Amino acid sequence: MSLEQITEQMRSRVGTSANLRKSVKFDFGDDGAVRIDDTVSPAVVDNQNVPTDCTVKVSMADFTDMATGKQNPQMAFMMGKLKVEGDMSVAMQLGSILG
């Protein structure tokens, strides 16, 4: 999956609200980032790499595996493939966005 495909997929899943009331960023390192800002209405999904309430650092390959069900997000976290910075409660609510 490309950054554009991931962004579009998240945009369609989030719709007008992700029900987070916070902002979260998926940081793919050199491959870019996807930001969900649910502090505004309608929610914004874009590729701005700006500070957010929660940042999830993960490789694009591992993210794709989680989004397609090949990798369990909790196991990825325990194995160090996924790192969370900031508000952990936001990360715990991301299941509906990941699919």
C-alpha atoms as a PDB file:
ATOM      1  CA  MET A   1       0.000   0.000   0.000  1.00  0.00           C
ATOM      2  CA  SER A   2       1.158   3.504  -0.752  1.00  0.00           C
ATOM      3  CA  LEU A   3       0.842   6.488   1.573  1.00  0.00           C
ATOM      4  CA  GLU A   4      -1.924   7.851  -0.638  1.00  0.00           C
ATOM      5  CA  GLN A   5      -3.863   4.569  -0.465  1.00  0.00           C
ATOM      6  CA  ILE A   6      -3.547   4.395   3.322  1.00  0.00           C
ATOM      7  CA  THR A   7      -4.646   8.034   3.637  1.00  0.00           C
ATOM      8  CA  GLU A   8      -7.712   7.478   1.438  1.00  0.00           C
ATOM      9  CA  GLN A   9      -8.641   4.287   3.283  1.00  0.00           C
ATOM     10  CA  MET A  10      -8.430   6.073   6.645  1.00  0.00           C
ATOM     11  CA  ARG A  11     -10.364   9.048   5.284  1.00  0.00           C
ATOM     12  CA  SER A  12     -13.222   6.764   4.230  1.00  0.00           C
ATOM     13  CA  ARG A  13     -13.220   4.904   7.569  1.00  0.00           C
ATOM     14  CA  VAL A  14     -13.117   8.085   9.656  1.00  0.00           C
ATOM     15  CA  GLY A  15     -15.824   9.902   7.696  1.00  0.00           C
ATOM     16  CA  THR A  16     -16.897  13.057   9.539  1.00  0.00           C
ATOM     17  CA  SER A  17     -15.754  11.786  12.962  1.00  0.00           C
ATOM     18  CA  ALA A  18     -13.429   9.109  14.343  1.00  0.00           C
ATOM     19  CA  ASN A  19     -15.099   9.439  17.776  1.00  0.00           C
ATOM     20  CA  LEU A  20     -11.689  10.137  19.323  1.00  0.00           C
ATOM     21  CA  ARG A  21     -12.048  13.868  20.088  1.00  0.00           C
ATOM     22  CA  LYS A  22      -8.244  13.941  19.865  1.00  0.00           C
ATOM     23  CA  SER A  23      -5.576  13.965  17.171  1.00  0.00           C
ATOM     24  CA  VAL A  24      -3.410  11.000  16.221  1.00  0.00           C
ATOM     25  CA  LYS A  25      -0.583  10.547  13.755  1.00  0.00           C
ATOM     26  CA  PHE A  26       0.698   7.361  12.172  1.00  0.00           C
ATOM     27  CA  ASP A  27       4.403   8.015  11.637  1.00  0.00           C
ATOM     28  CA  PHE A  28       5.865   5.771   8.933  1.00  0.00           C
ATOM     29  CA  GLY A  29       9.356   7.313   9.195  1.00  0.00           C
ATOM     30  CA  ASP A  30      10.837   8.164   5.789  1.00  0.00           C
ATOM     31  CA  ASP A  31       7.638   6.935   4.094  1.00  0.00           C
ATOM     32  CA  GLY A  32       5.601   9.823   5.549  1.00  0.00           C
ATOM     33  CA  ALA A  33       2.745  10.199   8.010  1.00  0.00           C
ATOM     34  CA  VAL A  34      -1.030  10.137   8.191  1.00  0.00           C
ATOM     35  CA  ARG A  35      -2.684  12.501  10.664  1.00  0.00           C
ATOM     36  CA  ILE A  36      -6.247  12.265  11.929  1.00  0.00           C
ATOM     37  CA  ASP A  37      -7.482  15.426  13.638  1.00  0.00           C
ATOM     38  CA  ASP A  38     -10.781  14.653  15.326  1.00  0.00           C
ATOM     39  CA  THR A  39     -10.710  17.854  17.408  1.00  0.00           C
ATOM     40  CA  VAL A  40     -12.470  19.633  14.533  1.00  0.00           C
ATOM     41  CA  SER A  41     -15.705  18.864  12.733  1.00  0.00           C
ATOM     42  CA  PRO A  42     -15.609  17.318  10.246  1.00  0.00           C
ATOM     43  CA  ALA A  43     -12.498  15.325  11.134  1.00  0.00           C
ATOM     44  CA  VAL A  44      -9.406  15.969   9.010  1.00  0.00           C
ATOM     45  CA  VAL A  45      -7.290  13.169   7.547  1.00  0.00           C
ATOM     46  CA  ASP A  46      -4.118  14.359   5.839  1.00  0.00           C
ATOM     47  CA  ASN A  47      -0.374  13.834   5.597  1.00  0.00           C
ATOM     48  CA  GLN A  48       0.819  16.726   7.755  1.00  0.00           C
ATOM     49  CA  ASN A  49       3.654  15.757  10.080  1.00  0.00           C
ATOM     50  CA  VAL A  50       2.723  18.039  12.986  1.00  0.00           C
ATOM     51  CA  PRO A  51       2.442  17.397  16.753  1.00  0.00           C
ATOM     52  CA  THR A  52      -0.613  15.369  17.817  1.00  0.00           C
ATOM     53  CA  ASP A  53      -2.083  14.025  21.065  1.00  0.00           C
ATOM     54  CA  CYS A  54      -0.846  10.545  20.163  1.00  0.00           C
ATOM     55  CA  THR A  55       1.807   9.343  17.719  1.00  0.00           C
ATOM     56  CA  VAL A  56       1.965   5.735  16.546  1.00  0.00           C
ATOM     57  CA  LYS A  57       5.368   4.894  15.079  1.00  0.00           C
ATOM     58  CA  VAL A  58       5.270   1.874  12.810  1.00  0.00           C
ATOM     59  CA  SER A  59       6.729   0.789   9.482  1.00  0.00           C
ATOM     60  CA  MET A  60       4.378   0.979   6.517  1.00  0.00           C
ATOM     61  CA  ALA A  61       4.756  -2.795   5.979  1.00  0.00           C
ATOM     62  CA  ASP A  62       3.774  -3.601   9.580  1.00  0.00           C
ATOM     63  CA  PHE A  63       0.895  -1.110   9.413  1.00  0.00           C
ATOM     64  CA  THR A  64      -0.389  -2.771   6.235  1.00  0.00           C
ATOM     65  CA  ASP A  65      -0.178  -6.181   7.932  1.00  0.00           C
ATOM     66  CA  MET A  66      -2.244  -4.860  10.849  1.00  0.00           C
ATOM     67  CA  ALA A  67      -4.791  -3.182   8.566  1.00  0.00           C
ATOM     68  CA  THR A  68      -5.289  -6.406   6.584  1.00  0.00           C
ATOM     69  CA  GLY A  69      -5.493  -8.625   9.673  1.00  0.00           C
ATOM     70  CA  LYS A  70      -2.177 -10.412   9.137  1.00  0.00           C
ATOM     71  CA  GLN A  71      -0.697  -8.879  12.304  1.00  0.00           C
ATOM     72  CA  ASN A  72      -2.379  -8.291  15.655  1.00  0.00           C
ATOM     73  CA  PRO A  73      -1.764  -4.683  16.821  1.00  0.00           C
ATOM     74  CA  GLN A  74      -1.328  -5.736  20.460  1.00  0.00           C
ATOM     75  CA  MET A  75       1.278  -8.335  19.485  1.00  0.00           C
ATOM     76  CA  ALA A  76       3.036  -5.799  17.248  1.00  0.00           C
ATOM     77  CA  PHE A  77       3.198  -3.435  20.242  1.00  0.00           C
ATOM     78  CA  MET A  78       4.612  -6.140  22.516  1.00  0.00           C
ATOM     79  CA  MET A  79       7.181  -7.123  19.870  1.00  0.00           C
ATOM     80  CA  GLY A  80       8.322  -3.513  19.512  1.00  0.00           C
ATOM     81  CA  LYS A  81       7.078  -3.180  15.916  1.00  0.00           C
ATOM     82  CA  LEU A  82       4.648  -0.463  16.988  1.00  0.00           C
ATOM     83  CA  LYS A  83       5.532   2.330  19.393  1.00  0.00           C
ATOM     84  CA  VAL A  84       3.081   4.769  20.974  1.00  0.00           C
ATOM     85  CA  GLU A  85       4.039   8.248  22.149  1.00  0.00           C
ATOM     86  CA  GLY A  86       1.658  10.545  23.981  1.00  0.00           C
ATOM     87  CA  ASP A  87      -1.908   9.710  24.995  1.00  0.00           C
ATOM     88  CA  MET A  88      -2.118   5.904  25.122  1.00  0.00           C
ATOM     89  CA  SER A  89      -5.911   6.051  25.538  1.00  0.00           C
ATOM     90  CA  VAL A  90      -6.161   7.364  21.970  1.00  0.00           C
ATOM     91  CA  ALA A  91      -4.126   4.421  20.655  1.00  0.00           C
ATOM     92  CA  MET A  92      -6.491   2.007  22.427  1.00  0.00           C
ATOM     93  CA  GLN A  93      -9.419   3.393  20.384  1.00  0.00           C
ATOM     94  CA  LEU A  94      -7.888   2.911  16.934  1.00  0.00           C
ATOM     95  CA  GLY A  95      -9.371  -0.509  16.156  1.00  0.00           C
ATOM     96  CA  SER A  96     -12.259   0.932  14.123  1.00  0.00           C
ATOM     97  CA  ILE A  97      -9.847   2.959  12.003  1.00  0.00           C
ATOM     98  CA  LEU A  98      -7.435   0.103  11.366  1.00  0.00           C
ATOM     99  CA  GLY A  99     -10.206  -2.229  10.285  1.00  0.00           C
END
